[in-house]
Amino acid sequence: MAETKSIGEKTRRSVLGDAHVDRSIAAKTAFDAPFQDLITVSAWEGLWSRPNWSKRDRSIVTIALLAALGHEEEVAMHVRATVNTGATEDDIREALMHVAIYAGVPAANTAFRIAKRTLAEMKAEQGGAST
């Protein structure tokens, strides 16, 4: 019998990709299972699945917020997710320019470094030139 995926898991997979979600599920333990379930229901089903904004819109806002808050690993993860959300390098740059003005140059500087590195890795994985 095939396992039925929730709306939240389907949305999470559509944004982050199957490989990322599969790794996350494989690493889930009894300790963090309630937390993982909370994220799936609240973030991926309750927020990312809403019809009001596109995945591209949500992606741009998410990158800006994560950068402003200094969540470096999450910035990289969501930059990678842009291949699935439709956000472009131009979108990422503009979001980080907003971070510089509204959250501070140091936060934007760090986020630009992370985004440049992540975009270069993505291009290298696809056999293209680096940024």
Protein backbone atom coordinates (compact mmCIF):
# COMPACT_ATOMS: atom_id res chain seq x y z
CA MET A 1 0.00 0.00 0.00
CA ALA A 2 1.46 3.37 -1.03
CA GLU A 3 1.97 6.01 1.64
CA THR A 4 -0.26 9.05 1.24
CA LYS A 5 1.61 12.33 1.44
CA SER A 6 0.05 15.32 3.19
CA ILE A 7 -0.46 18.64 1.43
CA GLY A 8 2.40 20.01 3.52
CA GLU A 9 4.79 17.25 2.49
CA LYS A 10 3.84 17.62 -1.17
CA THR A 11 4.46 21.36 -1.01
CA ARG A 12 7.73 20.87 0.87
CA ARG A 13 8.88 18.40 -1.79
CA SER A 14 7.88 20.77 -4.59
CA VAL A 15 10.00 23.55 -3.07
CA LEU A 16 12.98 21.76 -1.50
CA GLY A 17 13.08 18.65 -3.68
CA ASP A 18 12.60 14.98 -2.94
CA ALA A 19 16.24 14.32 -2.00
CA HIS A 20 16.23 17.00 0.72
CA VAL A 21 12.90 15.89 2.17
CA ASP A 22 13.89 12.21 2.04
CA ARG A 23 17.10 12.99 3.98
CA SER A 24 15.10 14.97 6.52
CA ILE A 25 12.57 12.17 7.00
CA ALA A 26 15.35 9.57 7.30
CA ALA A 27 17.03 11.64 10.02
CA LYS A 28 13.80 12.15 11.99
CA THR A 29 13.82 10.59 15.46
CA ALA A 30 11.26 10.20 18.22
CA PHE A 31 12.83 13.28 19.82
CA ASP A 32 12.33 15.67 16.90
CA ALA A 33 9.33 14.05 15.17
CA PRO A 34 6.82 16.44 16.80
CA PHE A 35 8.93 19.41 15.67
CA GLN A 36 9.21 18.05 12.11
CA ASP A 37 5.45 17.49 12.03
CA LEU A 38 4.89 21.08 13.28
CA ILE A 39 7.04 22.45 10.44
CA THR A 40 5.24 20.33 7.83
CA VAL A 41 1.79 21.39 9.02
CA SER A 42 2.41 25.04 9.90
CA ALA A 43 5.03 26.15 7.37
CA TRP A 44 4.51 23.88 4.37
CA GLU A 45 0.76 23.28 4.57
CA GLY A 46 -0.48 26.30 6.48
CA LEU A 47 1.71 28.91 4.81
CA TRP A 48 3.52 27.74 1.63
CA SER A 49 0.34 26.04 0.33
CA ARG A 50 -1.80 29.18 0.55
CA PRO A 51 -3.05 30.46 -2.81
CA ASN A 52 -2.41 34.18 -2.27
CA TRP A 53 1.27 34.24 -3.30
CA SER A 54 3.21 32.16 -5.77
CA LYS A 55 6.06 29.93 -4.67
CA ARG A 56 8.38 32.48 -6.32
CA ASP A 57 6.96 35.27 -4.14
CA ARG A 58 7.27 33.18 -0.99
CA SER A 59 10.79 32.15 -1.94
CA ILE A 60 11.97 35.75 -2.32
CA VAL A 61 10.43 36.83 1.00
CA THR A 62 11.78 33.76 2.78
CA ILE A 63 15.33 34.37 1.56
CA ALA A 64 15.16 37.99 2.70
CA LEU A 65 13.80 37.08 6.14
CA LEU A 66 16.32 34.30 6.70
CA ALA A 67 19.16 36.57 5.62
CA ALA A 68 17.96 39.38 7.90
CA LEU A 69 17.82 36.97 10.82
CA GLY A 70 21.26 35.50 10.07
CA HIS A 71 20.09 31.94 9.43
CA GLU A 72 22.94 31.00 7.11
CA GLU A 73 22.17 27.31 6.51
CA GLU A 74 18.54 28.12 5.78
CA VAL A 75 19.57 30.89 3.34
CA ALA A 76 21.64 28.38 1.39
CA MET A 77 18.82 25.82 1.44
CA HIS A 78 16.30 28.33 0.11
CA VAL A 79 18.70 29.66 -2.53
CA ARG A 80 18.96 26.05 -3.74
CA ALA A 81 15.16 25.80 -3.70
CA THR A 82 14.86 28.62 -6.24
CA VAL A 83 15.34 26.05 -9.01
CA ASN A 84 11.91 24.77 -7.96
CA THR A 85 10.20 28.04 -7.05
CA GLY A 86 11.04 30.10 -10.11
CA ALA A 87 12.90 32.82 -8.21
CA THR A 88 15.88 34.02 -10.23
CA GLU A 89 19.37 35.24 -9.37
CA ASP A 90 18.05 38.75 -9.97
CA ASP A 91 15.27 38.09 -7.44
CA ILE A 92 17.79 36.84 -4.88
CA ARG A 93 20.02 39.88 -5.42
CA GLU A 94 17.09 42.32 -5.05
CA ALA A 95 15.89 40.58 -1.89
CA LEU A 96 19.36 40.86 -0.38
CA MET A 97 19.60 44.52 -1.38
CA HIS A 98 16.44 45.08 0.68
CA VAL A 99 18.05 43.22 3.56
CA ALA A 100 21.01 45.63 3.42
CA ILE A 101 18.76 48.66 3.79
CA TYR A 102 16.14 47.32 6.19
CA ALA A 103 18.12 44.82 8.29
CA GLY A 104 21.72 45.94 7.91
CA VAL A 105 24.71 45.68 5.62
CA PRO A 106 26.47 42.99 7.70
CA ALA A 107 23.48 40.63 7.38
CA ALA A 108 23.27 41.29 3.64
CA ASN A 109 27.03 40.91 3.20
CA THR A 110 26.93 37.48 4.82
CA ALA A 111 23.87 36.48 2.80
CA PHE A 112 25.46 37.64 -0.48
CA ARG A 113 28.53 35.50 0.32
CA ILE A 114 26.32 32.48 1.01
CA ALA A 115 24.15 33.06 -2.06
CA LYS A 116 27.19 33.48 -4.35
CA ARG A 117 28.74 30.29 -3.03
CA THR A 118 25.48 28.36 -3.29
CA LEU A 119 24.72 29.60 -6.81
CA ALA A 120 28.26 28.69 -7.92
CA GLU A 121 27.86 25.19 -6.44
CA MET A 122 24.52 24.80 -8.23
CA LYS A 123 26.06 25.85 -11.55
CA ALA A 124 29.02 23.52 -11.03
CA GLU A 125 26.63 20.64 -10.34
CA GLN A 126 24.88 21.45 -13.63
CA GLY A 127 28.21 21.73 -15.47
CA GLY A 128 27.95 25.50 -15.97
CA ALA A 129 30.22 28.42 -15.18
CA SER A 130 30.32 29.87 -11.67
CA THR A 131 28.86 33.23 -10.69
